[in-house]
Amino acid sequence: MADSTTFIPAQVSANANTGAWVQLSSLNDGTFMGVLYSSAAFNMVIVPSGTSDATAATAEATANRVMIFNAAATHGPLKLNPSRTWLRMNGASAGTVHCILM
């Protein structure tokens, strides 16, 4: 039987930890299984309801609802809604977070 899994690659240029939160993908509204990787540590917040924008992501972080991911490790599988998932690096430099949605 052939595997019918579709893989959707996503790559996010994330800001430094003092910058704005960056949305994983505005094109994919729905729940997907995903795997995340970055060569540098990064933070992730999920905006659970209402308007999903950088301001809402900042509010989630201010409320200490932040997930912290180590550098150079594959994280997953995670159940994600890309349009409600926001990322930012965990250090003073910008970086790239790679994601594969399944």
PDB file of N, CA and C in Angstrom:
ATOM      1  N   MET A   1       0.847  -1.174   0.000  1.00  0.00           N
ATOM      2  CA  MET A   1       0.000   0.000   0.000  1.00  0.00           C
ATOM      3  C   MET A   1       0.897   1.243   0.000  1.00  0.00           C
ATOM      4  N   ALA A   2       0.603   2.179  -0.824  1.00  0.00           N
ATOM      5  CA  ALA A   2       1.407   3.402  -0.924  1.00  0.00           C
ATOM      6  C   ALA A   2       1.095   4.336   0.238  1.00  0.00           C
ATOM      7  N   ASP A   3       2.106   5.066   0.672  1.00  0.00           N
ATOM      8  CA  ASP A   3       1.943   6.053   1.738  1.00  0.00           C
ATOM      9  C   ASP A   3       1.326   7.309   1.134  1.00  0.00           C
ATOM     10  N   SER A   4       0.218   7.770   1.702  1.00  0.00           N
ATOM     11  CA  SER A   4      -0.478   8.934   1.146  1.00  0.00           C
ATOM     12  C   SER A   4      -0.173  10.213   1.921  1.00  0.00           C
ATOM     13  N   THR A   5       0.859  10.185   2.775  1.00  0.00           N
ATOM     14  CA  THR A   5       1.204  11.365   3.570  1.00  0.00           C
ATOM     15  C   THR A   5       1.722  12.470   2.668  1.00  0.00           C
ATOM     16  N   THR A   6       1.240  13.678   2.889  1.00  0.00           N
ATOM     17  CA  THR A   6       1.734  14.845   2.179  1.00  0.00           C
ATOM     18  C   THR A   6       2.607  15.640   3.125  1.00  0.00           C
ATOM     19  N   PHE A   7       3.776  16.037   2.673  1.00  0.00           N
ATOM     20  CA  PHE A   7       4.683  16.817   3.488  1.00  0.00           C
ATOM     21  C   PHE A   7       4.697  18.250   2.986  1.00  0.00           C
ATOM     22  N   ILE A   8       4.460  19.204   3.892  1.00  0.00           N
ATOM     23  CA  ILE A   8       4.460  20.624   3.538  1.00  0.00           C
ATOM     24  C   ILE A   8       5.646  21.270   4.241  1.00  0.00           C
ATOM     25  N   PRO A   9       6.694  21.638   3.502  1.00  0.00           N
ATOM     26  CA  PRO A   9       7.826  22.275   4.166  1.00  0.00           C
ATOM     27  C   PRO A   9       7.526  23.737   4.484  1.00  0.00           C
ATOM     28  N   ALA A  10       8.026  24.198   5.605  1.00  0.00           N
ATOM     29  CA  ALA A  10       7.899  25.605   5.986  1.00  0.00           C
ATOM     30  C   ALA A  10       9.242  26.053   6.542  1.00  0.00           C
ATOM     31  N   GLN A  11       9.611  27.250   6.244  1.00  0.00           N
ATOM     32  CA  GLN A  11      10.856  27.814   6.758  1.00  0.00           C
ATOM     33  C   GLN A  11      10.555  29.227   7.227  1.00  0.00           C
ATOM     34  N   VAL A  12      10.895  29.528   8.466  1.00  0.00           N
ATOM     35  CA  VAL A  12      10.581  30.820   9.051  1.00  0.00           C
ATOM     36  C   VAL A  12      11.865  31.543   9.399  1.00  0.00           C
ATOM     37  N   SER A  13      12.009  32.763   8.916  1.00  0.00           N
ATOM     38  CA  SER A  13      13.105  33.624   9.347  1.00  0.00           C
ATOM     39  C   SER A  13      12.637  34.330  10.606  1.00  0.00           C
ATOM     40  N   ALA A  14      13.100  33.845  11.753  1.00  0.00           N
ATOM     41  CA  ALA A  14      12.619  34.326  13.043  1.00  0.00           C
ATOM     42  C   ALA A  14      13.498  35.454  13.568  1.00  0.00           C
ATOM     43  N   ASN A  15      12.862  36.391  14.242  1.00  0.00           N
ATOM     44  CA  ASN A  15      13.570  37.523  14.824  1.00  0.00           C
ATOM     45  C   ASN A  15      14.319  37.117  16.086  1.00  0.00           C
ATOM     46  N   ALA A  16      15.240  37.977  16.505  1.00  0.00           N
ATOM     47  CA  ALA A  16      15.938  37.786  17.772  1.00  0.00           C
ATOM     48  C   ALA A  16      14.930  37.857  18.915  1.00  0.00           C
ATOM     49  N   ASN A  17      15.354  37.496  20.108  1.00  0.00           N
ATOM     50  CA  ASN A  17      14.426  37.434  21.243  1.00  0.00           C
ATOM     51  C   ASN A  17      13.864  38.792  21.647  1.00  0.00           C
ATOM     52  N   THR A  18      14.399  39.880  21.121  1.00  0.00           N
ATOM     53  CA  THR A  18      13.832  41.207  21.395  1.00  0.00           C
ATOM     54  C   THR A  18      12.921  41.677  20.271  1.00  0.00           C
ATOM     55  N   GLY A  19      12.819  40.892  19.206  1.00  0.00           N
ATOM     56  CA  GLY A  19      12.011  41.278  18.052  1.00  0.00           C
ATOM     57  C   GLY A  19      10.596  40.734  18.127  1.00  0.00           C
ATOM     58  N   ALA A  20       9.835  41.021  17.088  1.00  0.00           N
ATOM     59  CA  ALA A  20       8.440  40.569  17.024  1.00  0.00           C
ATOM     60  C   ALA A  20       8.380  39.068  16.772  1.00  0.00           C
ATOM     61  N   TRP A  21       7.299  38.467  17.212  1.00  0.00           N
ATOM     62  CA  TRP A  21       7.031  37.067  16.944  1.00  0.00           C
ATOM     63  C   TRP A  21       6.678  36.899  15.467  1.00  0.00           C
ATOM     64  N   VAL A  22       7.052  35.762  14.875  1.00  0.00           N
ATOM     65  CA  VAL A  22       6.818  35.489  13.454  1.00  0.00           C
ATOM     66  C   VAL A  22       5.924  34.258  13.335  1.00  0.00           C
ATOM     67  N   GLN A  23       4.891  34.369  12.511  1.00  0.00           N
ATOM     68  CA  GLN A  23       3.931  33.288  12.309  1.00  0.00           C
ATOM     69  C   GLN A  23       4.559  32.145  11.519  1.00  0.00           C
ATOM     70  N   LEU A  24       4.287  30.922  11.935  1.00  0.00           N
ATOM     71  CA  LEU A  24       4.822  29.761  11.224  1.00  0.00           C
ATOM     72  C   LEU A  24       4.315  29.725   9.788  1.00  0.00           C
ATOM     73  N   SER A  25       3.016  29.895   9.584  1.00  0.00           N
ATOM     74  CA  SER A  25       2.461  29.942   8.233  1.00  0.00           C
ATOM     75  C   SER A  25       1.056  30.522   8.283  1.00  0.00           C
ATOM     76  N   SER A  26       0.818  31.529   7.477  1.00  0.00           N
ATOM     77  CA  SER A  26      -0.527  32.107   7.406  1.00  0.00           C
ATOM     78  C   SER A  26      -1.407  31.344   6.416  1.00  0.00           C
ATOM     79  N   LEU A  27      -0.800  30.467   5.633  1.00  0.00           N
ATOM     80  CA  LEU A  27      -1.530  29.767   4.578  1.00  0.00           C
ATOM     81  C   LEU A  27      -2.166  28.465   5.046  1.00  0.00           C
ATOM     82  N   ASN A  28      -1.740  27.957   6.189  1.00  0.00           N
ATOM     83  CA  ASN A  28      -2.204  26.647   6.640  1.00  0.00           C
ATOM     84  C   ASN A  28      -2.984  26.787   7.934  1.00  0.00           C
ATOM     85  N   ASP A  29      -4.303  26.974   7.818  1.00  0.00           N
ATOM     86  CA  ASP A  29      -5.159  27.054   8.991  1.00  0.00           C
ATOM     87  C   ASP A  29      -5.814  25.705   9.180  1.00  0.00           C
ATOM     88  N   GLY A  30      -5.430  25.018  10.194  1.00  0.00           N
ATOM     89  CA  GLY A  30      -5.901  23.670  10.471  1.00  0.00           C
ATOM     90  C   GLY A  30      -4.849  22.996  11.318  1.00  0.00           C
ATOM     91  N   THR A  31      -5.109  21.792  11.755  1.00  0.00           N
ATOM     92  CA  THR A  31      -4.172  21.093  12.619  1.00  0.00           C
ATOM     93  C   THR A  31      -3.383  20.065  11.817  1.00  0.00           C
ATOM     94  N   PHE A  32      -2.068  20.114  11.993  1.00  0.00           N
ATOM     95  CA  PHE A  32      -1.155  19.214  11.295  1.00  0.00           C
ATOM     96  C   PHE A  32      -0.176  18.638  12.308  1.00  0.00           C
ATOM     97  N   MET A  33       0.368  17.482  12.013  1.00  0.00           N
ATOM     98  CA  MET A  33       1.513  16.988  12.763  1.00  0.00           C
ATOM     99  C   MET A  33       2.738  17.644  12.138  1.00  0.00           C
ATOM    100  N   GLY A  34       3.685  18.048  12.959  1.00  0.00           N
ATOM    101  CA  GLY A  34       4.851  18.731  12.423  1.00  0.00           C
ATOM    102  C   GLY A  34       6.115  18.387  13.182  1.00  0.00           C
ATOM    103  N   VAL A  35       7.234  18.633  12.532  1.00  0.00           N
ATOM    104  CA  VAL A  35       8.557  18.457  13.116  1.00  0.00           C
ATOM    105  C   VAL A  35       9.293  19.778  12.934  1.00  0.00           C
ATOM    106  N   LEU A  36       9.899  20.289  14.015  1.00  0.00           N
ATOM    107  CA  LEU A  36      10.619  21.563  13.983  1.00  0.00           C
ATOM    108  C   LEU A  36      12.109  21.332  14.195  1.00  0.00           C
ATOM    109  N   TYR A  37      12.934  22.163  13.532  1.00  0.00           N
ATOM    110  CA  TYR A  37      14.387  22.107  13.713  1.00  0.00           C
ATOM    111  C   TYR A  37      14.967  23.498  13.518  1.00  0.00           C
ATOM    112  N   SER A  38      15.950  23.834  14.341  1.00  0.00           N
ATOM    113  CA  SER A  38      16.735  25.052  14.147  1.00  0.00           C
ATOM    114  C   SER A  38      18.127  24.801  14.697  1.00  0.00           C
ATOM    115  N   SER A  39      19.131  25.414  14.090  1.00  0.00           N
ATOM    116  CA  SER A  39      20.489  25.262  14.596  1.00  0.00           C
ATOM    117  C   SER A  39      20.717  26.112  15.845  1.00  0.00           C
ATOM    118  N   ALA A  40      19.786  27.020  16.153  1.00  0.00           N
ATOM    119  CA  ALA A  40      19.855  27.843  17.359  1.00  0.00           C
ATOM    120  C   ALA A  40      18.582  27.644  18.171  1.00  0.00           C
ATOM    121  N   ALA A  41      18.666  27.878  19.474  1.00  0.00           N
ATOM    122  CA  ALA A  41      17.495  27.727  20.341  1.00  0.00           C
ATOM    123  C   ALA A  41      16.408  28.721  19.936  1.00  0.00           C
ATOM    124  N   PHE A  42      15.155  28.299  20.077  1.00  0.00           N
ATOM    125  CA  PHE A  42      14.047  29.184  19.720  1.00  0.00           C
ATOM    126  C   PHE A  42      12.881  28.986  20.684  1.00  0.00           C
ATOM    127  N   ASN A  43      11.986  29.959  20.693  1.00  0.00           N
ATOM    128  CA  ASN A  43      10.788  29.935  21.524  1.00  0.00           C
ATOM    129  C   ASN A  43       9.565  29.833  20.628  1.00  0.00           C
ATOM    130  N   MET A  44       8.503  29.242  21.168  1.00  0.00           N
ATOM    131  CA  MET A  44       7.267  29.108  20.417  1.00  0.00           C
ATOM    132  C   MET A  44       6.097  29.418  21.347  1.00  0.00           C
ATOM    133  N   VAL A  45       5.112  30.140  20.822  1.00  0.00           N
ATOM    134  CA  VAL A  45       3.852  30.353  21.533  1.00  0.00           C
ATOM    135  C   VAL A  45       2.713  29.970  20.600  1.00  0.00           C
ATOM    136  N   ILE A  46       1.609  29.570  21.204  1.00  0.00           N
ATOM    137  CA  ILE A  46       0.397  29.241  20.469  1.00  0.00           C
ATOM    138  C   ILE A  46      -0.671  30.245  20.887  1.00  0.00           C
ATOM    139  N   VAL A  47      -1.268  30.914  19.917  1.00  0.00           N
ATOM    140  CA  VAL A  47      -2.392  31.814  20.204  1.00  0.00           C
ATOM    141  C   VAL A  47      -3.643  30.945  20.138  1.00  0.00           C
ATOM    142  N   PRO A  48      -4.293  30.674  21.287  1.00  0.00           N
ATOM    143  CA  PRO A  48      -5.358  29.677  21.314  1.00  0.00           C
ATOM    144  C   PRO A  48      -6.672  30.104  20.668  1.00  0.00           C
ATOM    145  N   SER A  49      -7.004  31.380  20.719  1.00  0.00           N
ATOM    146  CA  SER A  49      -8.283  31.819  20.151  1.00  0.00           C
ATOM    147  C   SER A  49      -8.216  33.304  19.843  1.00  0.00           C
ATOM    148  N   GLY A  50      -9.245  33.800  19.172  1.00  0.00           N
ATOM    149  CA  GLY A  50      -9.278  35.222  18.825  1.00  0.00           C
ATOM    150  C   GLY A  50      -8.339  35.542  17.673  1.00  0.00           C
ATOM    151  N   THR A  51      -7.924  36.774  17.605  1.00  0.00           N
ATOM    152  CA  THR A  51      -7.045  37.230  16.532  1.00  0.00           C
ATOM    153  C   THR A  51      -5.650  36.654  16.722  1.00  0.00           C
ATOM    154  N   SER A  52      -5.136  36.018  15.690  1.00  0.00           N
ATOM    155  CA  SER A  52      -3.799  35.438  15.754  1.00  0.00           C
ATOM    156  C   SER A  52      -2.833  36.395  15.064  1.00  0.00           C
ATOM    157  N   ASP A  53      -2.186  37.253  15.864  1.00  0.00           N
ATOM    158  CA  ASP A  53      -1.201  38.188  15.320  1.00  0.00           C
ATOM    159  C   ASP A  53      -0.041  38.308  16.292  1.00  0.00           C
ATOM    160  N   ALA A  54       0.975  39.093  15.924  1.00  0.00           N
ATOM    161  CA  ALA A  54       2.174  39.228  16.749  1.00  0.00           C
ATOM    162  C   ALA A  54       1.862  39.828  18.115  1.00  0.00           C
ATOM    163  N   THR A  55       0.859  40.701  18.194  1.00  0.00           N
ATOM    164  CA  THR A  55       0.466  41.284  19.481  1.00  0.00           C
ATOM    165  C   THR A  55      -0.101  40.204  20.402  1.00  0.00           C
ATOM    166  N   ALA A  56      -0.939  39.327  19.856  1.00  0.00           N
ATOM    167  CA  ALA A  56      -1.492  38.229  20.643  1.00  0.00           C
ATOM    168  C   ALA A  56      -0.392  37.257  21.066  1.00  0.00           C
ATOM    169  N   ALA A  57       0.576  37.025  20.192  1.00  0.00           N
ATOM    170  CA  ALA A  57       1.704  36.155  20.525  1.00  0.00           C
ATOM    171  C   ALA A  57       2.523  36.750  21.667  1.00  0.00           C
ATOM    172  N   THR A  58       2.746  38.063  21.633  1.00  0.00           N
ATOM    173  CA  THR A  58       3.463  38.739  22.713  1.00  0.00           C
ATOM    174  C   THR A  58       2.701  38.611  24.029  1.00  0.00           C
ATOM    175  N   ALA A  59       1.383  38.719  23.977  1.00  0.00           N
ATOM    176  CA  ALA A  59       0.569  38.570  25.186  1.00  0.00           C
ATOM    177  C   ALA A  59       0.720  37.164  25.771  1.00  0.00           C
ATOM    178  N   GLU A  60       0.761  36.151  24.921  1.00  0.00           N
ATOM    179  CA  GLU A  60       0.974  34.786  25.392  1.00  0.00           C
ATOM    180  C   GLU A  60       2.336  34.655  26.065  1.00  0.00           C
ATOM    181  N   ALA A  61       3.357  35.248  25.469  1.00  0.00           N
ATOM    182  CA  ALA A  61       4.702  35.188  26.051  1.00  0.00           C
ATOM    183  C   ALA A  61       4.757  35.937  27.376  1.00  0.00           C
ATOM    184  N   THR A  62       4.100  37.095  27.444  1.00  0.00           N
ATOM    185  CA  THR A  62       4.066  37.877  28.681  1.00  0.00           C
ATOM    186  C   THR A  62       3.391  37.091  29.800  1.00  0.00           C
ATOM    187  N   ALA A  63       2.431  36.274  29.452  1.00  0.00           N
ATOM    188  CA  ALA A  63       1.733  35.431  30.425  1.00  0.00           C
ATOM    189  C   ALA A  63       2.517  34.138  30.726  1.00  0.00           C
ATOM    190  N   ASN A  64       3.742  34.055  30.243  1.00  0.00           N
ATOM    191  CA  ASN A  64       4.635  32.905  30.467  1.00  0.00           C
ATOM    192  C   ASN A  64       4.114  31.603  29.873  1.00  0.00           C
ATOM    193  N   ARG A  65       3.406  31.698  28.752  1.00  0.00           N
ATOM    194  CA  ARG A  65       2.960  30.500  28.043  1.00  0.00           C
ATOM    195  C   ARG A  65       3.848  30.314  26.812  1.00  0.00           C
ATOM    196  N   VAL A  66       5.134  30.073  27.087  1.00  0.00           N
ATOM    197  CA  VAL A  66       6.157  29.958  26.050  1.00  0.00           C
ATOM    198  C   VAL A  66       6.774  28.569  26.116  1.00  0.00           C
ATOM    199  N   MET A  67       6.963  27.942  24.961  1.00  0.00           N
ATOM    200  CA  MET A  67       7.699  26.685  24.879  1.00  0.00           C
ATOM    201  C   MET A  67       9.096  27.009  24.393  1.00  0.00           C
ATOM    202  N   ILE A  68      10.101  26.462  25.048  1.00  0.00           N
ATOM    203  CA  ILE A  68      11.498  26.742  24.724  1.00  0.00           C
ATOM    204  C   ILE A  68      12.113  25.482  24.131  1.00  0.00           C
ATOM    205  N   PHE A  69      12.713  25.632  22.951  1.00  0.00           N
ATOM    206  CA  PHE A  69      13.286  24.498  22.234  1.00  0.00           C
ATOM    207  C   PHE A  69      14.800  24.642  22.145  1.00  0.00           C
ATOM    208  N   ASN A  70      15.505  23.544  22.373  1.00  0.00           N
ATOM    209  CA  ASN A  70      16.965  23.534  22.303  1.00  0.00           C
ATOM    210  C   ASN A  70      17.450  23.672  20.865  1.00  0.00           C
ATOM    211  N   ALA A  71      18.706  24.073  20.739  1.00  0.00           N
ATOM    212  CA  ALA A  71      19.339  24.193  19.426  1.00  0.00           C
ATOM    213  C   ALA A  71      19.743  22.817  18.893  1.00  0.00           C
ATOM    214  N   ALA A  72      19.798  22.730  17.583  1.00  0.00           N
ATOM    215  CA  ALA A  72      20.335  21.571  16.875  1.00  0.00           C
ATOM    216  C   ALA A  72      19.697  20.254  17.314  1.00  0.00           C
ATOM    217  N   ALA A  73      18.397  20.277  17.499  1.00  0.00           N
ATOM    218  CA  ALA A  73      17.659  19.060  17.841  1.00  0.00           C
ATOM    219  C   ALA A  73      16.360  19.057  17.035  1.00  0.00           C
ATOM    220  N   THR A  74      15.905  17.886  16.675  1.00  0.00           N
ATOM    221  CA  THR A  74      14.629  17.761  15.985  1.00  0.00           C
ATOM    222  C   THR A  74      13.537  17.619  17.036  1.00  0.00           C
ATOM    223  N   HIS A  75      12.527  18.454  16.944  1.00  0.00           N
ATOM    224  CA  HIS A  75      11.449  18.471  17.913  1.00  0.00           C
ATOM    225  C   HIS A  75      10.160  18.003  17.253  1.00  0.00           C
ATOM    226  N   GLY A  76       9.605  16.933  17.752  1.00  0.00           N
ATOM    227  CA  GLY A  76       8.353  16.464  17.199  1.00  0.00           C
ATOM    228  C   GLY A  76       8.225  14.976  17.358  1.00  0.00           C
ATOM    229  N   PRO A  77       7.138  14.433  16.894  1.00  0.00           N
ATOM    230  CA  PRO A  77       6.079  15.152  16.191  1.00  0.00           C
ATOM    231  C   PRO A  77       5.232  15.980  17.153  1.00  0.00           C
ATOM    232  N   LEU A  78       4.832  17.146  16.693  1.00  0.00           N
ATOM    233  CA  LEU A  78       3.989  18.063  17.447  1.00  0.00           C
ATOM    234  C   LEU A  78       2.707  18.304  16.671  1.00  0.00           C
ATOM    235  N   LYS A  79       1.605  18.444  17.362  1.00  0.00           N
ATOM    236  CA  LYS A  79       0.341  18.774  16.706  1.00  0.00           C
ATOM    237  C   LYS A  79       0.237  20.296  16.683  1.00  0.00           C
ATOM    238  N   LEU A  80       0.249  20.894  15.477  1.00  0.00           N
ATOM    239  CA  LEU A  80       0.327  22.341  15.323  1.00  0.00           C
ATOM    240  C   LEU A  80      -0.770  22.886  14.425  1.00  0.00           C
ATOM    241  N   ASN A  81      -1.217  24.083  14.722  1.00  0.00           N
ATOM    242  CA  ASN A  81      -1.998  24.881  13.781  1.00  0.00           C
ATOM    243  C   ASN A  81      -1.044  25.986  13.339  1.00  0.00           C
ATOM    244  N   PRO A  82      -0.466  25.897  12.141  1.00  0.00           N
ATOM    245  CA  PRO A  82       0.562  26.850  11.726  1.00  0.00           C
ATOM    246  C   PRO A  82       0.139  28.309  11.782  1.00  0.00           C
ATOM    247  N   SER A  83      -1.134  28.596  11.562  1.00  0.00           N
ATOM    248  CA  SER A  83      -1.566  29.994  11.570  1.00  0.00           C
ATOM    249  C   SER A  83      -1.685  30.542  13.000  1.00  0.00           C
ATOM    250  N   ARG A  84      -1.648  29.675  14.004  1.00  0.00           N
ATOM    251  CA  ARG A  84      -1.717  30.102  15.407  1.00  0.00           C
ATOM    252  C   ARG A  84      -0.400  29.869  16.142  1.00  0.00           C
ATOM    253  N   THR A  85       0.614  29.404  15.416  1.00  0.00           N
ATOM    254  CA  THR A  85       1.925  29.104  15.984  1.00  0.00           C
ATOM    255  C   THR A  85       2.887  30.237  15.638  1.00  0.00           C
ATOM    256  N   TRP A  86       3.526  30.796  16.665  1.00  0.00           N
ATOM    257  CA  TRP A  86       4.416  31.949  16.499  1.00  0.00           C
ATOM    258  C   TRP A  86       5.782  31.623  17.082  1.00  0.00           C
ATOM    259  N   LEU A  87       6.832  32.035  16.378  1.00  0.00           N
ATOM    260  CA  LEU A  87       8.196  31.688  16.741  1.00  0.00           C
ATOM    261  C   LEU A  87       9.061  32.930  16.898  1.00  0.00           C
ATOM    262  N   ARG A  88      10.075  32.788  17.729  1.00  0.00           N
ATOM    263  CA  ARG A  88      11.088  33.832  17.900  1.00  0.00           C
ATOM    264  C   ARG A  88      12.331  33.140  18.440  1.00  0.00           C
ATOM    265  N   MET A  89      13.502  33.604  18.055  1.00  0.00           N
ATOM    266  CA  MET A  89      14.733  32.991  18.521  1.00  0.00           C
ATOM    267  C   MET A  89      14.893  33.240  20.021  1.00  0.00           C
ATOM    268  N   ASN A  90      15.713  32.430  20.656  1.00  0.00           N
ATOM    269  CA  ASN A  90      15.920  32.513  22.093  1.00  0.00           C
ATOM    270  C   ASN A  90      17.223  33.247  22.421  1.00  0.00           C
ATOM    271  N   GLY A  91      17.749  33.988  21.490  1.00  0.00           N
ATOM    272  CA  GLY A  91      18.998  34.706  21.709  1.00  0.00           C
ATOM    273  C   GLY A  91      19.000  36.033  20.986  1.00  0.00           C
ATOM    274  N   ALA A  92      20.139  36.698  21.006  1.00  0.00           N
ATOM    275  CA  ALA A  92      20.263  38.048  20.472  1.00  0.00           C
ATOM    276  C   ALA A  92      20.360  38.101  18.952  1.00  0.00           C
ATOM    277  N   SER A  93      20.410  36.944  18.290  1.00  0.00           N
ATOM    278  CA  SER A  93      20.525  36.923  16.827  1.00  0.00           C
ATOM    279  C   SER A  93      19.281  36.339  16.186  1.00  0.00           C
ATOM    280  N   ALA A  94      18.955  36.824  15.000  1.00  0.00           N
ATOM    281  CA  ALA A  94      17.883  36.237  14.206  1.00  0.00           C
ATOM    282  C   ALA A  94      18.333  34.862  13.710  1.00  0.00           C
ATOM    283  N   GLY A  95      17.399  34.045  13.295  1.00  0.00           N
ATOM    284  CA  GLY A  95      17.752  32.726  12.803  1.00  0.00           C
ATOM    285  C   GLY A  95      16.629  32.128  11.986  1.00  0.00           C
ATOM    286  N   THR A  96      16.795  30.889  11.616  1.00  0.00           N
ATOM    287  CA  THR A  96      15.815  30.191  10.784  1.00  0.00           C
ATOM    288  C   THR A  96      15.308  28.961  11.512  1.00  0.00           C
ATOM    289  N   VAL A  97      13.999  28.791  11.503  1.00  0.00           N
ATOM    290  CA  VAL A  97      13.377  27.571  12.027  1.00  0.00           C
ATOM    291  C   VAL A  97      12.767  26.836  10.849  1.00  0.00           C
ATOM    292  N   HIS A  98      13.106  25.575  10.724  1.00  0.00           N
ATOM    293  CA  HIS A  98      12.585  24.733   9.650  1.00  0.00           C
ATOM    294  C   HIS A  98      11.483  23.855  10.208  1.00  0.00           C
ATOM    295  N   CYS A  99      10.459  23.634   9.404  1.00  0.00           N
ATOM    296  CA  CYS A  99       9.335  22.806   9.835  1.00  0.00           C
ATOM    297  C   CYS A  99       8.857  21.961   8.668  1.00  0.00           C
ATOM    298  N   ILE A 100       8.478  20.742   8.981  1.00  0.00           N
ATOM    299  CA  ILE A 100       7.792  19.899   7.999  1.00  0.00           C
ATOM    300  C   ILE A 100       6.454  19.542   8.610  1.00  0.00           C
ATOM    301  N   LEU A 101       5.393  19.906   7.908  1.00  0.00           N
ATOM    302  CA  LEU A 101       4.027  19.587   8.338  1.00  0.00           C
ATOM    303  C   LEU A 101       3.564  18.346   7.587  1.00  0.00           C
ATOM    304  N   MET A 102       2.910  17.437   8.290  1.00  0.00           N
ATOM    305  CA  MET A 102       2.466  16.179   7.689  1.00  0.00           C
ATOM    306  C   MET A 102       0.967  16.069   7.782  1.00  0.00           C
TER     307      MET A 102
END
